Structure formats: C-alpha cells, structure tokens
Amino acid sequence: MSLDIDLGTIFVVLTFGCILFVLQTLVDYTKRASSIRPQLHEVLRVKDRHKEEMNKVQQVMDDVEKEAGKHQDAITELETKYEELEMRATELRKKVADNDGFKW
C-alpha cells in the first residue's frame, strides 16, 4: 500500500479544513451573539438607570452640603453670641460681687 500524496493535495485538504473551521467559528459566534444581545441590552439599561440614580444622589448630597453650610454659619454666629453673653455675665457677676460683697 503506497501513499502517493503530493503537496498540492495536502495544501487543498488543509485549506478546506481551515475554511470549515472559520465557517464553524462564524456560525457559533452568530448563535452566541444573538443569545447574548438581549442580556447586553438589559445590562446597558440597568447601567443607565443606576447612572441616573447616582446623579440624583449626588444632587441631594450637594443640596445637603449647601444647607449644612447655612446651618454651620448660624451655629458659628450663635456660639459667638454665647461667648459674648458669657463674658457679660461674668463681668456682671464680678460687678455685683464687688458692689454687694455677694459672690456667685
């Protein structure tokens, strides 16, 4: 039994095998792409929804920071008034103690 196979035949067989491999790969890709496409659209929709929610949360955080800044200014003002009143009360206590001999 003799195997008389020339290089041309080997080349034709390998070329045919490569073409079949490429065609099979394209068919598999098409099948998987069609099954994955709806899932990909769902993922993108969820991503967009979360992006909108994150923007809303960021807006709320910005509003809260502005409001907190206003309250911080009011707190600082009240603390300053408290310190002034505390100093005046101390001065009055000292004055009363000096005049009446009464101590707090």
PDB file of N, CA and C in Angstrom:
ATOM      1  N   MET A   1       0.838  -1.157   0.000  1.00  0.00           N
ATOM      2  CA  MET A   1       0.000   0.000   0.000  1.00  0.00           C
ATOM      3  C   MET A   1       0.893   1.233   0.000  1.00  0.00           C
ATOM      4  N   SER A   2       0.668   2.021  -0.963  1.00  0.00           N
ATOM      5  CA  SER A   2       1.525   3.170  -1.139  1.00  0.00           C
ATOM      6  C   SER A   2       0.695   4.442  -0.982  1.00  0.00           C
ATOM      7  N   LEU A   3       1.265   5.394  -0.305  1.00  0.00           N
ATOM      8  CA  LEU A   3       0.585   6.679  -0.106  1.00  0.00           C
ATOM      9  C   LEU A   3       1.249   7.707  -1.005  1.00  0.00           C
ATOM     10  N   ASP A   4       0.652   7.900  -2.136  1.00  0.00           N
ATOM     11  CA  ASP A   4       1.185   8.891  -3.066  1.00  0.00           C
ATOM     12  C   ASP A   4       0.383  10.185  -2.913  1.00  0.00           C
ATOM     13  N   ILE A   5       0.759  10.956  -1.944  1.00  0.00           N
ATOM     14  CA  ILE A   5       0.079  12.229  -1.692  1.00  0.00           C
ATOM     15  C   ILE A   5       1.082  13.331  -1.988  1.00  0.00           C
ATOM     16  N   ASP A   6       0.713  14.180  -2.870  1.00  0.00           N
ATOM     17  CA  ASP A   6       1.625  15.277  -3.187  1.00  0.00           C
ATOM     18  C   ASP A   6       1.286  16.502  -2.330  1.00  0.00           C
ATOM     19  N   LEU A   7       2.148  17.490  -2.364  1.00  0.00           N
ATOM     20  CA  LEU A   7       1.972  18.694  -1.547  1.00  0.00           C
ATOM     21  C   LEU A   7       0.724  19.475  -1.944  1.00  0.00           C
ATOM     22  N   GLY A   8       0.346  19.445  -3.178  1.00  0.00           N
ATOM     23  CA  GLY A   8      -0.859  20.141  -3.632  1.00  0.00           C
ATOM     24  C   GLY A   8      -2.103  19.595  -2.967  1.00  0.00           C
ATOM     25  N   THR A   9      -2.186  18.255  -2.836  1.00  0.00           N
ATOM     26  CA  THR A   9      -3.332  17.633  -2.190  1.00  0.00           C
ATOM     27  C   THR A   9      -3.373  18.005  -0.713  1.00  0.00           C
ATOM     28  N   ILE A  10      -2.220  17.972  -0.069  1.00  0.00           N
ATOM     29  CA  ILE A  10      -2.148  18.348   1.355  1.00  0.00           C
ATOM     30  C   ILE A  10      -2.590  19.802   1.528  1.00  0.00           C
ATOM     31  N   PHE A  11      -2.128  20.668   0.632  1.00  0.00           N
ATOM     32  CA  PHE A  11      -2.500  22.076   0.707  1.00  0.00           C
ATOM     33  C   PHE A  11      -4.009  22.257   0.541  1.00  0.00           C
ATOM     34  N   VAL A  12      -4.614  21.546  -0.399  1.00  0.00           N
ATOM     35  CA  VAL A  12      -6.054  21.644  -0.635  1.00  0.00           C
ATOM     36  C   VAL A  12      -6.830  21.156   0.585  1.00  0.00           C
ATOM     37  N   VAL A  13      -6.405  20.033   1.169  1.00  0.00           N
ATOM     38  CA  VAL A  13      -7.091  19.487   2.346  1.00  0.00           C
ATOM     39  C   VAL A  13      -6.975  20.451   3.524  1.00  0.00           C
ATOM     40  N   LEU A  14      -5.781  20.989   3.771  1.00  0.00           N
ATOM     41  CA  LEU A  14      -5.590  21.939   4.876  1.00  0.00           C
ATOM     42  C   LEU A  14      -6.397  23.221   4.646  1.00  0.00           C
ATOM     43  N   THR A  15      -6.420  23.697   3.418  1.00  0.00           N
ATOM     44  CA  THR A  15      -7.194  24.899   3.102  1.00  0.00           C
ATOM     45  C   THR A  15      -8.681  24.654   3.345  1.00  0.00           C
ATOM     46  N   PHE A  16      -9.172  23.522   2.889  1.00  0.00           N
ATOM     47  CA  PHE A  16     -10.573  23.170   3.094  1.00  0.00           C
ATOM     48  C   PHE A  16     -10.891  23.075   4.596  1.00  0.00           C
ATOM     49  N   GLY A  17      -9.982  22.464   5.369  1.00  0.00           N
ATOM     50  CA  GLY A  17     -10.167  22.365   6.823  1.00  0.00           C
ATOM     51  C   GLY A  17     -10.201  23.738   7.479  1.00  0.00           C
ATOM     52  N   CYS A  18      -9.319  24.626   7.046  1.00  0.00           N
ATOM     53  CA  CYS A  18      -9.296  25.986   7.611  1.00  0.00           C
ATOM     54  C   CYS A  18     -10.584  26.739   7.278  1.00  0.00           C
ATOM     55  N   ILE A  19     -11.060  26.571   6.043  1.00  0.00           N
ATOM     56  CA  ILE A  19     -12.306  27.236   5.649  1.00  0.00           C
ATOM     57  C   ILE A  19     -13.470  26.719   6.487  1.00  0.00           C
ATOM     58  N   LEU A  20     -13.532  25.400   6.699  1.00  0.00           N
ATOM     59  CA  LEU A  20     -14.584  24.834   7.543  1.00  0.00           C
ATOM     60  C   LEU A  20     -14.486  25.351   8.978  1.00  0.00           C
ATOM     61  N   PHE A  21     -13.259  25.460   9.486  1.00  0.00           N
ATOM     62  CA  PHE A  21     -13.060  25.970  10.849  1.00  0.00           C
ATOM     63  C   PHE A  21     -13.565  27.412  10.964  1.00  0.00           C
ATOM     64  N   VAL A  22     -13.220  28.246   9.990  1.00  0.00           N
ATOM     65  CA  VAL A  22     -13.658  29.644  10.011  1.00  0.00           C
ATOM     66  C   VAL A  22     -15.182  29.726   9.921  1.00  0.00           C
ATOM     67  N   LEU A  23     -15.776  28.929   9.040  1.00  0.00           N
ATOM     68  CA  LEU A  23     -17.237  28.936   8.916  1.00  0.00           C
ATOM     69  C   LEU A  23     -17.912  28.484  10.212  1.00  0.00           C
ATOM     70  N   GLN A  24     -17.386  27.440  10.832  1.00  0.00           N
ATOM     71  CA  GLN A  24     -17.951  26.957  12.094  1.00  0.00           C
ATOM     72  C   GLN A  24     -17.821  28.022  13.185  1.00  0.00           C
ATOM     73  N   THR A  25     -16.685  28.706  13.213  1.00  0.00           N
ATOM     74  CA  THR A  25     -16.474  29.778  14.192  1.00  0.00           C
ATOM     75  C   THR A  25     -17.484  30.906  13.975  1.00  0.00           C
ATOM     76  N   LEU A  26     -17.719  31.287  12.728  1.00  0.00           N
ATOM     77  CA  LEU A  26     -18.695  32.340  12.434  1.00  0.00           C
ATOM     78  C   LEU A  26     -20.109  31.926  12.821  1.00  0.00           C
ATOM     79  N   VAL A  27     -20.468  30.672  12.564  1.00  0.00           N
ATOM     80  CA  VAL A  27     -21.796  30.183  12.933  1.00  0.00           C
ATOM     81  C   VAL A  27     -21.962  30.208  14.449  1.00  0.00           C
ATOM     82  N   ASP A  28     -20.949  29.728  15.183  1.00  0.00           N
ATOM     83  CA  ASP A  28     -21.011  29.740  16.651  1.00  0.00           C
ATOM     84  C   ASP A  28     -21.104  31.168  17.182  1.00  0.00           C
ATOM     85  N   TYR A  29     -20.322  32.071  16.594  1.00  0.00           N
ATOM     86  CA  TYR A  29     -20.344  33.463  17.031  1.00  0.00           C
ATOM     87  C   TYR A  29     -21.736  34.064  16.826  1.00  0.00           C
ATOM     88  N   THR A  30     -22.323  33.806  15.670  1.00  0.00           N
ATOM     89  CA  THR A  30     -23.647  34.346  15.367  1.00  0.00           C
ATOM     90  C   THR A  30     -24.693  33.823  16.350  1.00  0.00           C
ATOM     91  N   LYS A  31     -24.636  32.530  16.655  1.00  0.00           N
ATOM     92  CA  LYS A  31     -25.591  31.951  17.610  1.00  0.00           C
ATOM     93  C   LYS A  31     -25.423  32.571  18.993  1.00  0.00           C
ATOM     94  N   ARG A  32     -24.199  32.655  19.448  1.00  0.00           N
ATOM     95  CA  ARG A  32     -23.955  33.189  20.799  1.00  0.00           C
ATOM     96  C   ARG A  32     -24.239  34.683  20.871  1.00  0.00           C
ATOM     97  N   ALA A  33     -23.907  35.388  19.811  1.00  0.00           N
ATOM     98  CA  ALA A  33     -24.164  36.833  19.809  1.00  0.00           C
ATOM     99  C   ALA A  33     -25.661  37.108  19.887  1.00  0.00           C
ATOM    100  N   SER A  34     -26.458  36.310  19.182  1.00  0.00           N
ATOM    101  CA  SER A  34     -27.904  36.535  19.218  1.00  0.00           C
ATOM    102  C   SER A  34     -28.487  36.192  20.590  1.00  0.00           C
ATOM    103  N   SER A  35     -27.879  35.255  21.304  1.00  0.00           N
ATOM    104  CA  SER A  35     -28.381  34.929  22.643  1.00  0.00           C
ATOM    105  C   SER A  35     -27.865  35.907  23.694  1.00  0.00           C
ATOM    106  N   ILE A  36     -26.723  36.516  23.453  1.00  0.00           N
ATOM    107  CA  ILE A  36     -26.133  37.445  24.425  1.00  0.00           C
ATOM    108  C   ILE A  36     -26.665  38.864  24.229  1.00  0.00           C
ATOM    109  N   ARG A  37     -27.068  39.216  23.030  1.00  0.00           N
ATOM    110  CA  ARG A  37     -27.507  40.578  22.721  1.00  0.00           C
ATOM    111  C   ARG A  37     -28.616  41.079  23.652  1.00  0.00           C
ATOM    112  N   PRO A  38     -29.675  40.304  23.937  1.00  0.00           N
ATOM    113  CA  PRO A  38     -30.704  40.797  24.877  1.00  0.00           C
ATOM    114  C   PRO A  38     -30.148  41.029  26.284  1.00  0.00           C
ATOM    115  N   GLN A  39     -29.256  40.159  26.708  1.00  0.00           N
ATOM    116  CA  GLN A  39     -28.653  40.334  28.032  1.00  0.00           C
ATOM    117  C   GLN A  39     -27.804  41.600  28.062  1.00  0.00           C
ATOM    118  N   LEU A  40     -27.096  41.856  26.983  1.00  0.00           N
ATOM    119  CA  LEU A  40     -26.271  43.060  26.906  1.00  0.00           C
ATOM    120  C   LEU A  40     -27.142  44.315  26.948  1.00  0.00           C
ATOM    121  N   HIS A  41     -28.261  44.292  26.250  1.00  0.00           N
ATOM    122  CA  HIS A  41     -29.182  45.435  26.289  1.00  0.00           C
ATOM    123  C   HIS A  41     -29.726  45.644  27.704  1.00  0.00           C
ATOM    124  N   GLU A  42     -30.029  44.566  28.401  1.00  0.00           N
ATOM    125  CA  GLU A  42     -30.520  44.668  29.784  1.00  0.00           C
ATOM    126  C   GLU A  42     -29.451  45.275  30.693  1.00  0.00           C
ATOM    127  N   VAL A  43     -28.215  44.830  30.511  1.00  0.00           N
ATOM    128  CA  VAL A  43     -27.111  45.367  31.319  1.00  0.00           C
ATOM    129  C   VAL A  43     -26.947  46.863  31.062  1.00  0.00           C
ATOM    130  N   LEU A  44     -27.013  47.268  29.816  1.00  0.00           N
ATOM    131  CA  LEU A  44     -26.877  48.689  29.495  1.00  0.00           C
ATOM    132  C   LEU A  44     -28.039  49.505  30.061  1.00  0.00           C
ATOM    133  N   ARG A  45     -29.244  48.944  30.034  1.00  0.00           N
ATOM    134  CA  ARG A  45     -30.406  49.637  30.595  1.00  0.00           C
ATOM    135  C   ARG A  45     -30.243  49.820  32.102  1.00  0.00           C
ATOM    136  N   VAL A  46     -29.798  48.763  32.783  1.00  0.00           N
ATOM    137  CA  VAL A  46     -29.584  48.843  34.232  1.00  0.00           C
ATOM    138  C   VAL A  46     -28.474  49.848  34.544  1.00  0.00           C
ATOM    139  N   LYS A  47     -27.433  49.836  33.735  1.00  0.00           N
ATOM    140  CA  LYS A  47     -26.330  50.783  33.932  1.00  0.00           C
ATOM    141  C   LYS A  47     -26.831  52.221  33.812  1.00  0.00           C
ATOM    142  N   ASP A  48     -27.651  52.496  32.806  1.00  0.00           N
ATOM    143  CA  ASP A  48     -28.197  53.844  32.634  1.00  0.00           C
ATOM    144  C   ASP A  48     -29.089  54.234  33.813  1.00  0.00           C
ATOM    145  N   ARG A  49     -29.899  53.281  34.287  1.00  0.00           N
ATOM    146  CA  ARG A  49     -30.770  53.571  35.430  1.00  0.00           C
ATOM    147  C   ARG A  49     -29.939  53.900  36.670  1.00  0.00           C
ATOM    148  N   HIS A  50     -28.882  53.127  36.904  1.00  0.00           N
ATOM    149  CA  HIS A  50     -28.036  53.396  38.070  1.00  0.00           C
ATOM    150  C   HIS A  50     -27.296  54.722  37.919  1.00  0.00           C
ATOM    151  N   LYS A  51     -26.942  55.053  36.698  1.00  0.00           N
ATOM    152  CA  LYS A  51     -26.276  56.332  36.474  1.00  0.00           C
ATOM    153  C   LYS A  51     -27.217  57.480  36.831  1.00  0.00           C
ATOM    154  N   GLU A  52     -28.486  57.364  36.429  1.00  0.00           N
ATOM    155  CA  GLU A  52     -29.480  58.386  36.771  1.00  0.00           C
ATOM    156  C   GLU A  52     -29.663  58.475  38.284  1.00  0.00           C
ATOM    157  N   GLU A  53     -29.716  57.325  38.940  1.00  0.00           N
ATOM    158  CA  GLU A  53     -29.879  57.319  40.396  1.00  0.00           C
ATOM    159  C   GLU A  53     -28.667  57.944  41.077  1.00  0.00           C
ATOM    160  N   MET A  54     -27.482  57.661  40.569  1.00  0.00           N
ATOM    161  CA  MET A  54     -26.274  58.253  41.152  1.00  0.00           C
ATOM    162  C   MET A  54     -26.277  59.771  40.972  1.00  0.00           C
ATOM    163  N   ASN A  55     -26.759  60.246  39.830  1.00  0.00           N
ATOM    164  CA  ASN A  55     -26.856  61.689  39.615  1.00  0.00           C
ATOM    165  C   ASN A  55     -27.836  62.321  40.600  1.00  0.00           C
ATOM    166  N   LYS A  56     -28.963  61.646  40.844  1.00  0.00           N
ATOM    167  CA  LYS A  56     -29.937  62.150  41.817  1.00  0.00           C
ATOM    168  C   LYS A  56     -29.327  62.196  43.213  1.00  0.00           C
ATOM    169  N   VAL A  57     -28.615  61.140  43.584  1.00  0.00           N
ATOM    170  CA  VAL A  57     -27.975  61.094  44.906  1.00  0.00           C
ATOM    171  C   VAL A  57     -26.943  62.204  45.024  1.00  0.00           C
ATOM    172  N   GLN A  58     -26.175  62.438  43.973  1.00  0.00           N
ATOM    173  CA  GLN A  58     -25.172  63.500  44.002  1.00  0.00           C
ATOM    174  C   GLN A  58     -25.843  64.859  44.170  1.00  0.00           C
ATOM    175  N   GLN A  59     -26.966  65.060  43.500  1.00  0.00           N
ATOM    176  CA  GLN A  59     -27.702  66.320  43.626  1.00  0.00           C
ATOM    177  C   GLN A  59     -28.199  66.513  45.056  1.00  0.00           C
ATOM    178  N   VAL A  60     -28.726  65.454  45.655  1.00  0.00           N
ATOM    179  CA  VAL A  60     -29.194  65.528  47.040  1.00  0.00           C
ATOM    180  C   VAL A  60     -28.026  65.841  47.966  1.00  0.00           C
ATOM    181  N   MET A  61     -26.884  65.196  47.737  1.00  0.00           N
ATOM    182  CA  MET A  61     -25.710  65.457  48.576  1.00  0.00           C
ATOM    183  C   MET A  61     -25.266  66.909  48.451  1.00  0.00           C
ATOM    184  N   ASP A  62     -25.280  67.452  47.232  1.00  0.00           N
ATOM    185  CA  ASP A  62     -24.908  68.854  47.040  1.00  0.00           C
ATOM    186  C   ASP A  62     -25.870  69.781  47.779  1.00  0.00           C
ATOM    187  N   ASP A  63     -27.167  69.486  47.691  1.00  0.00           N
ATOM    188  CA  ASP A  63     -28.163  70.301  48.396  1.00  0.00           C
ATOM    189  C   ASP A  63     -27.958  70.245  49.906  1.00  0.00           C
ATOM    190  N   VAL A  64     -27.667  69.050  50.419  1.00  0.00           N
ATOM    191  CA  VAL A  64     -27.447  68.887  51.859  1.00  0.00           C
ATOM    192  C   VAL A  64     -26.200  69.649  52.297  1.00  0.00           C
ATOM    193  N   GLU A  65     -25.146  69.616  51.483  1.00  0.00           N
ATOM    194  CA  GLU A  65     -23.932  70.358  51.832  1.00  0.00           C
ATOM    195  C   GLU A  65     -24.203  71.862  51.881  1.00  0.00           C
ATOM    196  N   LYS A  66     -24.999  72.373  50.933  1.00  0.00           N
ATOM    197  CA  LYS A  66     -25.346  73.799  50.951  1.00  0.00           C
ATOM    198  C   LYS A  66     -26.135  74.137  52.212  1.00  0.00           C
ATOM    199  N   GLU A  67     -27.110  73.283  52.532  1.00  0.00           N
ATOM    200  CA  GLU A  67     -27.933  73.505  53.726  1.00  0.00           C
ATOM    201  C   GLU A  67     -27.077  73.426  54.987  1.00  0.00           C
ATOM    202  N   ALA A  68     -26.155  72.479  55.020  1.00  0.00           N
ATOM    203  CA  ALA A  68     -25.276  72.337  56.184  1.00  0.00           C
ATOM    204  C   ALA A  68     -24.392  73.573  56.333  1.00  0.00           C
ATOM    205  N   GLY A  69     -23.952  74.131  55.218  1.00  0.00           N
ATOM    206  CA  GLY A  69     -23.152  75.354  55.272  1.00  0.00           C
ATOM    207  C   GLY A  69     -23.937  76.496  55.888  1.00  0.00           C
ATOM    208  N   LYS A  70     -25.213  76.614  55.518  1.00  0.00           N
ATOM    209  CA  LYS A  70     -26.059  77.655  56.109  1.00  0.00           C
ATOM    210  C   LYS A  70     -26.201  77.441  57.610  1.00  0.00           C
ATOM    211  N   HIS A  71     -26.435  76.203  58.006  1.00  0.00           N
ATOM    212  CA  HIS A  71     -26.595  75.907  59.431  1.00  0.00           C
ATOM    213  C   HIS A  71     -25.288  76.120  60.187  1.00  0.00           C
ATOM    214  N   GLN A  72     -24.172  75.802  59.550  1.00  0.00           N
ATOM    215  CA  GLN A  72     -22.884  75.998  60.214  1.00  0.00           C
ATOM    216  C   GLN A  72     -22.652  77.477  60.473  1.00  0.00           C
ATOM    217  N   ASP A  73     -23.027  78.329  59.530  1.00  0.00           N
ATOM    218  CA  ASP A  73     -22.899  79.773  59.740  1.00  0.00           C
ATOM    219  C   ASP A  73     -23.754  80.220  60.923  1.00  0.00           C
ATOM    220  N   ALA A  74     -24.974  79.705  61.007  1.00  0.00           N
ATOM    221  CA  ALA A  74     -25.857  80.061  62.122  1.00  0.00           C
ATOM    222  C   ALA A  74     -25.278  79.565  63.442  1.00  0.00           C
ATOM    223  N   ILE A  75     -24.722  78.368  63.449  1.00  0.00           N
ATOM    224  CA  ILE A  75     -24.121  77.816  64.674  1.00  0.00           C
ATOM    225  C   ILE A  75     -22.941  78.669  65.106  1.00  0.00           C
ATOM    226  N   THR A  76     -22.098  79.052  64.168  1.00  0.00           N
ATOM    227  CA  THR A  76     -20.942  79.895  64.496  1.00  0.00           C
ATOM    228  C   THR A  76     -21.401  81.230  65.073  1.00  0.00           C
ATOM    229  N   GLU A  77     -22.432  81.804  64.492  1.00  0.00           N
ATOM    230  CA  GLU A  77     -22.962  83.074  64.992  1.00  0.00           C
ATOM    231  C   GLU A  77     -23.509  82.915  66.409  1.00  0.00           C
ATOM    232  N   LEU A  78     -24.245  81.839  66.656  1.00  0.00           N
ATOM    233  CA  LEU A  78     -24.788  81.601  67.993  1.00  0.00           C
ATOM    234  C   LEU A  78     -23.679  81.345  69.016  1.00  0.00           C
ATOM    235  N   GLU A  79     -22.646  80.629  68.612  1.00  0.00           N
ATOM    236  CA  GLU A  79     -21.524  80.394  69.531  1.00  0.00           C
ATOM    237  C   GLU A  79     -20.839  81.704  69.892  1.00  0.00           C
ATOM    238  N   THR A  80     -20.682  82.578  68.908  1.00  0.00           N
ATOM    239  CA  THR A  80     -20.073  83.887  69.173  1.00  0.00           C
ATOM    240  C   THR A  80     -20.935  84.691  70.139  1.00  0.00           C
ATOM    241  N   LYS A  81     -22.250  84.712  69.908  1.00  0.00           N
ATOM    242  CA  LYS A  81     -23.153  85.419  70.820  1.00  0.00           C
ATOM    243  C   LYS A  81     -23.101  84.812  72.216  1.00  0.00           C
ATOM    244  N   TYR A  82     -23.033  83.479  72.301  1.00  0.00           N
ATOM    245  CA  TYR A  82     -22.960  82.811  73.598  1.00  0.00           C
ATOM    246  C   TYR A  82     -21.699  83.238  74.351  1.00  0.00           C
ATOM    247  N   GLU A  83     -20.583  83.272  73.645  1.00  0.00           N
ATOM    248  CA  GLU A  83     -19.334  83.684  74.294  1.00  0.00           C
ATOM    249  C   GLU A  83     -19.423  85.133  74.767  1.00  0.00           C
ATOM    250  N   GLU A  84     -20.019  86.004  73.949  1.00  0.00           N
ATOM    251  CA  GLU A  84     -20.177  87.402  74.354  1.00  0.00           C
ATOM    252  C   GLU A  84     -21.066  87.510  75.587  1.00  0.00           C
ATOM    253  N   LEU A  85     -22.186  86.786  75.578  1.00  0.00           N
ATOM    254  CA  LEU A  85     -23.090  86.823  76.727  1.00  0.00           C
ATOM    255  C   LEU A  85     -22.433  86.226  77.966  1.00  0.00           C
ATOM    256  N   GLU A  86     -21.653  85.197  77.779  1.00  0.00           N
ATOM    257  CA  GLU A  86     -20.945  84.587  78.915  1.00  0.00           C
ATOM    258  C   GLU A  86     -19.956  85.582  79.515  1.00  0.00           C
ATOM    259  N   MET A  87     -19.261  86.328  78.650  1.00  0.00           N
ATOM    260  CA  MET A  87     -18.325  87.337  79.172  1.00  0.00           C
ATOM    261  C   MET A  87     -19.089  88.448  79.895  1.00  0.00           C
ATOM    262  N   ARG A  88     -20.213  88.883  79.350  1.00  0.00           N
ATOM    263  CA  ARG A  88     -21.009  89.916  80.005  1.00  0.00           C
ATOM    264  C   ARG A  88     -21.545  89.421  81.342  1.00  0.00           C
ATOM    265  N   ALA A  89     -21.990  88.160  81.386  1.00  0.00           N
ATOM    266  CA  ALA A  89     -22.490  87.598  82.642  1.00  0.00           C
ATOM    267  C   ALA A  89     -21.372  87.540  83.673  1.00  0.00           C
ATOM    268  N   THR A  90     -20.181  87.163  83.252  1.00  0.00           N
ATOM    269  CA  THR A  90     -19.041  87.116  84.174  1.00  0.00           C
ATOM    270  C   THR A  90     -18.722  88.517  84.689  1.00  0.00           C
ATOM    271  N   GLU A  91     -18.757  89.498  83.790  1.00  0.00           N
ATOM    272  CA  GLU A  91     -18.497  90.877  84.204  1.00  0.00           C
ATOM    273  C   GLU A  91     -19.558  91.354  85.196  1.00  0.00           C
ATOM    274  N   LEU A  92     -20.821  91.043  84.917  1.00  0.00           N
ATOM    275  CA  LEU A  92     -21.897  91.449  85.819  1.00  0.00           C
ATOM    276  C   LEU A  92     -21.763  90.767  87.177  1.00  0.00           C
ATOM    277  N   ARG A  93     -21.413  89.489  87.183  1.00  0.00           N
ATOM    278  CA  ARG A  93     -21.215  88.782  88.458  1.00  0.00           C
ATOM    279  C   ARG A  93     -20.091  89.437  89.254  1.00  0.00           C
ATOM    280  N   LYS A  94     -19.025  89.784  88.544  1.00  0.00           N
ATOM    281  CA  LYS A  94     -17.896  90.414  89.224  1.00  0.00           C
ATOM    282  C   LYS A  94     -18.306  91.780  89.772  1.00  0.00           C
ATOM    283  N   LYS A  95     -19.078  92.532  88.979  1.00  0.00           N
ATOM    284  CA  LYS A  95     -19.531  93.848  89.404  1.00  0.00           C
ATOM    285  C   LYS A  95     -20.441  93.739  90.624  1.00  0.00           C
ATOM    286  N   VAL A  96     -21.381  92.791  90.583  1.00  0.00           N
ATOM    287  CA  VAL A  96     -22.293  92.589  91.706  1.00  0.00           C
ATOM    288  C   VAL A  96     -21.510  92.148  92.934  1.00  0.00           C
ATOM    289  N   ALA A  97     -20.547  91.286  92.754  1.00  0.00           N
ATOM    290  CA  ALA A  97     -19.751  90.797  93.884  1.00  0.00           C
ATOM    291  C   ALA A  97     -18.931  91.932  94.482  1.00  0.00           C
ATOM    292  N   ASP A  98     -18.393  92.794  93.641  1.00  0.00           N
ATOM    293  CA  ASP A  98     -17.594  93.911  94.141  1.00  0.00           C
ATOM    294  C   ASP A  98     -18.470  94.931  94.868  1.00  0.00           C
ATOM    295  N   ASN A  99     -19.676  95.174  94.365  1.00  0.00           N
ATOM    296  CA  ASN A  99     -20.557  96.176  94.959  1.00  0.00           C
ATOM    297  C   ASN A  99     -21.254  95.661  96.206  1.00  0.00           C
ATOM    298  N   ASP A 100     -21.742  94.475  96.205  1.00  0.00           N
ATOM    299  CA  ASP A 100     -22.553  93.970  97.299  1.00  0.00           C
ATOM    300  C   ASP A 100     -21.806  93.023  98.213  1.00  0.00           C
ATOM    301  N   GLY A 101     -20.672  92.598  97.808  1.00  0.00           N
ATOM    302  CA  GLY A 101     -19.977  91.606  98.602  1.00  0.00           C
ATOM    303  C   GLY A 101     -20.593  90.228  98.418  1.00  0.00           C
ATOM    304  N   PHE A 102     -21.394  90.087  97.420  1.00  0.00           N
ATOM    305  CA  PHE A 102     -22.069  88.821  97.156  1.00  0.00           C
ATOM    306  C   PHE A 102     -21.314  88.089  96.054  1.00  0.00           C
ATOM    307  N   LYS A 103     -21.099  86.795  96.268  1.00  0.00           N
ATOM    308  CA  LYS A 103     -20.379  86.003  95.268  1.00  0.00           C
ATOM    309  C   LYS A 103     -21.269  84.900  94.748  1.00  0.00           C
ATOM    310  N   TRP A 104     -21.084  84.610  93.530  1.00  0.00           N
ATOM    311  CA  TRP A 104     -21.853  83.542  92.894  1.00  0.00           C
ATOM    312  C   TRP A 104     -21.166  82.240  93.053  1.00  0.00           C
TER     313      TRP A 104
END
